[in-house]
N, C-alpha and C. Protein backbone atom coordinates (compact mmCIF):
# COMPACT_ATOMS: atom_id res chain seq x y z
N MET A 1 107.15 98.50 113.55
CA MET A 1 106.93 99.93 113.53
C MET A 1 106.31 100.32 112.18
N ILE A 2 105.19 101.02 112.22
CA ILE A 2 104.53 101.47 111.00
C ILE A 2 105.10 102.82 110.59
N LEU A 3 105.57 102.87 109.37
CA LEU A 3 106.08 104.11 108.82
C LEU A 3 105.28 104.48 107.58
N ILE A 4 105.07 105.76 107.39
CA ILE A 4 104.48 106.24 106.14
C ILE A 4 105.63 106.68 105.26
N ILE A 5 105.66 106.10 104.06
CA ILE A 5 106.77 106.35 103.14
C ILE A 5 106.25 107.19 101.97
N ARG A 6 106.82 108.38 101.84
CA ARG A 6 106.44 109.30 100.76
C ARG A 6 107.53 109.44 99.71
N GLU A 7 108.75 109.18 100.12
CA GLU A 7 109.94 109.24 99.26
C GLU A 7 110.63 107.88 99.37
N PRO A 8 111.53 107.56 98.44
CA PRO A 8 112.20 106.25 98.54
C PRO A 8 112.75 106.01 99.95
N ALA A 9 112.45 104.82 100.47
CA ALA A 9 112.83 104.47 101.84
C ALA A 9 114.34 104.36 101.98
N THR A 10 114.80 104.72 103.15
CA THR A 10 116.21 104.54 103.49
C THR A 10 116.40 103.09 103.98
N PRO A 11 117.62 102.60 103.96
CA PRO A 11 117.85 101.26 104.52
C PRO A 11 117.39 101.16 105.98
N GLU A 12 117.55 102.23 106.75
CA GLU A 12 117.11 102.22 108.14
C GLU A 12 115.59 102.07 108.25
N GLN A 13 114.86 102.76 107.37
CA GLN A 13 113.40 102.64 107.38
C GLN A 13 112.98 101.21 107.03
N LEU A 14 113.63 100.62 106.04
CA LEU A 14 113.31 99.23 105.68
C LEU A 14 113.58 98.30 106.86
N THR A 15 114.67 98.50 107.55
CA THR A 15 114.99 97.68 108.72
C THR A 15 113.90 97.83 109.78
N GLN A 16 113.45 99.05 110.02
CA GLN A 16 112.39 99.28 111.01
C GLN A 16 111.09 98.58 110.61
N MET A 17 110.74 98.63 109.33
CA MET A 17 109.50 98.00 108.87
C MET A 17 109.61 96.48 108.91
N CYS A 18 110.81 95.94 108.87
CA CYS A 18 111.02 94.49 108.91
C CYS A 18 110.98 93.93 110.33
N GLU A 19 110.86 94.76 111.34
CA GLU A 19 110.91 94.31 112.72
C GLU A 19 109.84 93.27 113.06
N VAL A 20 108.66 93.37 112.48
CA VAL A 20 107.57 92.47 112.83
C VAL A 20 107.78 91.06 112.28
N PHE A 21 108.13 90.94 111.00
CA PHE A 21 108.25 89.63 110.35
C PHE A 21 109.66 89.32 109.89
N GLY A 22 110.64 90.06 110.35
CA GLY A 22 112.01 89.85 109.89
C GLY A 22 112.12 90.25 108.44
N GLU A 23 113.10 89.70 107.76
CA GLU A 23 113.28 90.04 106.34
C GLU A 23 112.37 89.23 105.43
N THR A 24 111.45 88.45 106.03
CA THR A 24 110.55 87.63 105.23
C THR A 24 109.64 88.48 104.37
N PHE A 25 108.90 89.40 104.99
CA PHE A 25 108.03 90.31 104.24
C PHE A 25 107.59 91.47 105.11
N ILE A 26 107.08 92.50 104.45
CA ILE A 26 106.54 93.68 105.12
C ILE A 26 105.10 93.85 104.66
N LYS A 27 104.18 93.93 105.61
CA LYS A 27 102.78 94.20 105.26
C LYS A 27 102.64 95.68 104.96
N LEU A 28 101.90 95.97 103.90
CA LEU A 28 101.76 97.35 103.41
C LEU A 28 100.30 97.72 103.20
N ALA A 29 100.06 99.00 103.19
CA ALA A 29 98.85 99.59 102.63
C ALA A 29 99.35 100.67 101.68
N VAL A 30 98.87 100.61 100.44
CA VAL A 30 99.35 101.51 99.39
C VAL A 30 98.21 102.43 98.97
N ASP A 31 98.45 103.73 99.02
CA ASP A 31 97.48 104.72 98.55
C ASP A 31 97.81 105.01 97.10
N VAL A 32 96.99 104.50 96.19
CA VAL A 32 97.29 104.63 94.76
C VAL A 32 97.00 106.03 94.23
N ASP A 33 96.24 106.83 94.96
CA ASP A 33 95.98 108.21 94.53
C ASP A 33 97.13 109.13 94.93
N ARG A 34 97.58 109.02 96.16
CA ARG A 34 98.64 109.89 96.66
C ARG A 34 100.04 109.32 96.39
N GLU A 35 100.09 108.06 95.95
CA GLU A 35 101.35 107.37 95.64
C GLU A 35 102.29 107.33 96.84
N ILE A 36 101.70 106.95 97.99
CA ILE A 36 102.47 106.75 99.21
C ILE A 36 102.08 105.39 99.77
N LEU A 37 102.81 104.94 100.79
CA LEU A 37 102.44 103.69 101.44
C LEU A 37 102.77 103.74 102.91
N ALA A 38 102.13 102.87 103.65
CA ALA A 38 102.45 102.65 105.05
C ALA A 38 102.86 101.20 105.17
N GLY A 39 103.91 100.94 105.93
CA GLY A 39 104.38 99.56 106.07
C GLY A 39 104.94 99.30 107.45
N GLY A 40 104.92 98.02 107.82
CA GLY A 40 105.55 97.60 109.05
C GLY A 40 104.61 97.14 110.14
N GLY A 41 103.32 97.13 109.90
CA GLY A 41 102.38 96.69 110.93
C GLY A 41 102.21 95.18 110.96
N GLU A 42 101.58 94.70 112.03
CA GLU A 42 101.25 93.28 112.12
C GLU A 42 100.14 92.92 111.16
N LEU A 43 99.25 93.87 110.90
CA LEU A 43 98.12 93.65 110.01
C LEU A 43 98.11 94.73 108.92
N HIS A 44 97.58 94.36 107.75
CA HIS A 44 97.41 95.36 106.70
C HIS A 44 96.50 96.48 107.20
N ALA A 45 95.52 96.11 108.02
CA ALA A 45 94.57 97.10 108.54
C ALA A 45 95.27 98.14 109.42
N ASP A 46 96.34 97.75 110.12
CA ASP A 46 97.09 98.72 110.91
C ASP A 46 97.74 99.76 109.99
N CYS A 47 98.26 99.30 108.88
CA CYS A 47 98.89 100.21 107.91
C CYS A 47 97.83 101.09 107.25
N GLU A 48 96.69 100.49 106.94
CA GLU A 48 95.57 101.24 106.36
C GLU A 48 95.14 102.35 107.32
N ALA A 49 95.04 102.04 108.61
CA ALA A 49 94.63 103.03 109.61
C ALA A 49 95.62 104.19 109.67
N ALA A 50 96.91 103.89 109.54
CA ALA A 50 97.93 104.95 109.55
C ALA A 50 97.73 105.89 108.36
N LEU A 51 97.43 105.33 107.19
CA LEU A 51 97.20 106.17 106.01
C LEU A 51 95.91 106.99 106.16
N LEU A 52 94.87 106.39 106.69
CA LEU A 52 93.62 107.11 106.90
C LEU A 52 93.85 108.29 107.85
N GLU A 53 94.62 108.05 108.89
CA GLU A 53 94.95 109.11 109.84
C GLU A 53 95.75 110.23 109.18
N ALA A 54 96.52 109.87 108.15
CA ALA A 54 97.36 110.84 107.44
C ALA A 54 96.62 111.51 106.28
N GLY A 55 95.31 111.25 106.16
CA GLY A 55 94.51 111.96 105.16
C GLY A 55 94.16 111.20 103.91
N SER A 56 94.52 109.93 103.82
CA SER A 56 94.16 109.14 102.64
C SER A 56 92.68 108.78 102.66
N GLN A 57 92.13 108.51 101.50
CA GLN A 57 90.75 108.06 101.36
C GLN A 57 90.73 106.53 101.27
N GLN A 58 89.82 105.90 101.99
CA GLN A 58 89.81 104.43 102.08
C GLN A 58 89.73 103.76 100.71
N GLN A 59 88.96 104.29 99.79
CA GLN A 59 88.81 103.63 98.49
C GLN A 59 90.10 103.62 97.67
N ALA A 60 91.07 104.43 98.06
CA ALA A 60 92.35 104.49 97.33
C ALA A 60 93.42 103.61 97.96
N ILE A 61 93.12 103.00 99.12
CA ILE A 61 94.12 102.21 99.85
C ILE A 61 93.93 100.72 99.58
N TRP A 62 95.03 100.06 99.22
CA TRP A 62 95.00 98.63 98.93
C TRP A 62 96.10 97.93 99.70
N GLY A 63 95.80 96.73 100.17
CA GLY A 63 96.77 95.94 100.91
C GLY A 63 97.72 95.20 99.99
N ALA A 64 98.98 95.12 100.40
CA ALA A 64 100.00 94.41 99.62
C ALA A 64 101.09 93.96 100.58
N ASP A 65 102.02 93.19 100.05
CA ASP A 65 103.19 92.77 100.81
C ASP A 65 104.43 93.03 99.98
N TRP A 66 105.53 93.35 100.66
CA TRP A 66 106.82 93.51 100.00
C TRP A 66 107.75 92.44 100.56
N TYR A 67 108.34 91.67 99.65
CA TYR A 67 109.30 90.62 100.01
C TYR A 67 110.69 91.14 99.69
N PRO A 68 111.39 91.71 100.69
CA PRO A 68 112.65 92.41 100.43
C PRO A 68 113.76 91.54 99.85
N LEU A 69 113.83 90.29 100.23
CA LEU A 69 114.91 89.44 99.72
C LEU A 69 114.73 89.09 98.25
N ASP A 70 113.47 88.93 97.83
CA ASP A 70 113.17 88.56 96.44
C ASP A 70 112.78 89.75 95.57
N HIS A 71 112.57 90.90 96.21
CA HIS A 71 112.08 92.10 95.50
C HIS A 71 110.78 91.80 94.77
N GLN A 72 109.85 91.16 95.48
CA GLN A 72 108.56 90.81 94.91
C GLN A 72 107.43 91.51 95.68
N VAL A 73 106.34 91.73 94.97
CA VAL A 73 105.15 92.35 95.57
C VAL A 73 104.05 91.30 95.60
N GLY A 74 103.38 91.18 96.74
CA GLY A 74 102.20 90.32 96.87
C GLY A 74 100.96 91.20 96.94
N PHE A 75 99.84 90.65 96.52
CA PHE A 75 98.63 91.46 96.39
C PHE A 75 97.44 90.92 97.19
N GLU A 76 97.70 90.15 98.26
CA GLU A 76 96.61 89.57 99.04
C GLU A 76 96.50 90.23 100.40
N SER A 77 95.27 90.59 100.76
CA SER A 77 95.00 91.20 102.05
C SER A 77 93.50 91.22 102.30
N LEU A 78 93.11 91.11 103.56
CA LEU A 78 91.69 91.23 103.90
C LEU A 78 91.13 92.59 103.53
N VAL A 79 91.95 93.63 103.58
CA VAL A 79 91.44 94.98 103.27
C VAL A 79 91.08 95.12 101.79
N ASN A 80 91.46 94.14 100.97
CA ASN A 80 91.17 94.21 99.54
C ASN A 80 89.79 93.66 99.18
N ILE A 81 89.10 93.05 100.12
CA ILE A 81 87.76 92.53 99.82
C ILE A 81 86.80 93.72 99.79
N ARG A 82 86.41 94.09 98.56
CA ARG A 82 85.59 95.29 98.36
C ARG A 82 84.59 95.06 97.23
N PRO A 83 83.48 94.46 97.51
CA PRO A 83 82.48 94.25 96.46
C PRO A 83 82.05 95.55 95.76
N ARG A 84 81.99 96.66 96.52
CA ARG A 84 81.58 97.94 95.92
C ARG A 84 82.59 98.44 94.89
N GLN A 85 83.85 97.99 95.02
CA GLN A 85 84.88 98.38 94.06
C GLN A 85 85.22 97.21 93.13
N ASN A 86 84.30 96.28 93.04
CA ASN A 86 84.42 95.14 92.13
C ASN A 86 85.64 94.26 92.43
N ASN A 87 85.99 94.14 93.71
CA ASN A 87 87.08 93.25 94.12
C ASN A 87 86.54 92.37 95.25
N ARG A 88 86.19 91.15 94.91
CA ARG A 88 85.50 90.28 95.85
C ARG A 88 86.40 89.25 96.52
N THR A 89 87.70 89.35 96.33
CA THR A 89 88.62 88.39 96.91
C THR A 89 89.72 89.12 97.69
N LEU A 90 90.55 88.33 98.37
CA LEU A 90 91.70 88.89 99.08
C LEU A 90 92.70 89.51 98.12
N GLU A 91 92.78 88.95 96.93
CA GLU A 91 93.77 89.39 95.95
C GLU A 91 93.22 90.51 95.08
N VAL A 92 94.05 91.50 94.80
CA VAL A 92 93.65 92.59 93.90
C VAL A 92 93.45 91.98 92.52
N GLN A 93 92.26 92.13 91.97
CA GLN A 93 91.90 91.49 90.71
C GLN A 93 92.26 92.31 89.46
N ASP A 94 92.12 93.60 89.53
CA ASP A 94 92.32 94.47 88.36
C ASP A 94 93.81 94.55 88.00
N PRO A 95 94.18 94.11 86.79
CA PRO A 95 95.59 94.12 86.40
C PRO A 95 96.20 95.53 86.39
N GLU A 96 95.44 96.53 86.02
CA GLU A 96 95.97 97.90 86.01
C GLU A 96 96.22 98.40 87.43
N LEU A 97 95.32 98.08 88.34
CA LEU A 97 95.49 98.45 89.74
C LEU A 97 96.70 97.74 90.34
N ARG A 98 96.86 96.46 90.02
CA ARG A 98 98.04 95.71 90.49
C ARG A 98 99.32 96.37 89.98
N LYS A 99 99.29 96.80 88.74
CA LYS A 99 100.47 97.45 88.15
C LYS A 99 100.81 98.73 88.91
N ARG A 100 99.79 99.54 89.22
CA ARG A 100 100.02 100.79 89.98
C ARG A 100 100.57 100.50 91.37
N ILE A 101 99.99 99.51 92.05
CA ILE A 101 100.47 99.14 93.38
C ILE A 101 101.93 98.71 93.30
N GLU A 102 102.25 97.89 92.33
CA GLU A 102 103.62 97.42 92.18
C GLU A 102 104.58 98.56 91.86
N GLN A 103 104.20 99.46 90.97
CA GLN A 103 105.06 100.58 90.62
C GLN A 103 105.34 101.46 91.83
N ILE A 104 104.32 101.78 92.61
CA ILE A 104 104.49 102.62 93.79
C ILE A 104 105.38 101.91 94.81
N THR A 105 105.10 100.64 95.04
CA THR A 105 105.88 99.86 96.01
C THR A 105 107.34 99.80 95.61
N ARG A 106 107.61 99.48 94.35
CA ARG A 106 108.99 99.39 93.89
C ARG A 106 109.71 100.74 93.97
N ARG A 107 109.02 101.81 93.59
CA ARG A 107 109.65 103.13 93.63
C ARG A 107 110.02 103.52 95.06
N LEU A 108 109.18 103.14 96.01
CA LEU A 108 109.42 103.56 97.39
C LEU A 108 110.25 102.58 98.22
N LEU A 109 110.24 101.30 97.87
CA LEU A 109 110.92 100.31 98.73
C LEU A 109 112.07 99.56 98.09
N GLU A 110 112.21 99.62 96.81
CA GLU A 110 113.27 98.84 96.16
C GLU A 110 114.59 99.61 96.23
N VAL A 111 115.28 99.44 97.34
CA VAL A 111 116.55 100.10 97.57
C VAL A 111 117.63 99.35 96.80
N THR A 112 118.37 100.09 95.98
CA THR A 112 119.43 99.44 95.20
C THR A 112 120.80 99.75 95.74
């Protein structure tokens, strides 16, 4: 189930987003301008589509993964291949952008 998370996620929301891959990981699309994310799809592109439908701009959306058991963020996704934005690989290359993605992800998904 794809959910758009604007405020820190509840345990129930995390459980719903884990339905596709279990507690292994959650595929995400993170809007670094609006500081929201969509998670829980089979593909990062599904999450990206949910954010686009909710008014996000494509250039602000980056693919990531959340590993709930380890509290780690991954930065690889097909949606990250963007030569026009100077990112030519699956992995987010810009350290500052990675930092923003991680901060947003942790603020919204790191339930303590």
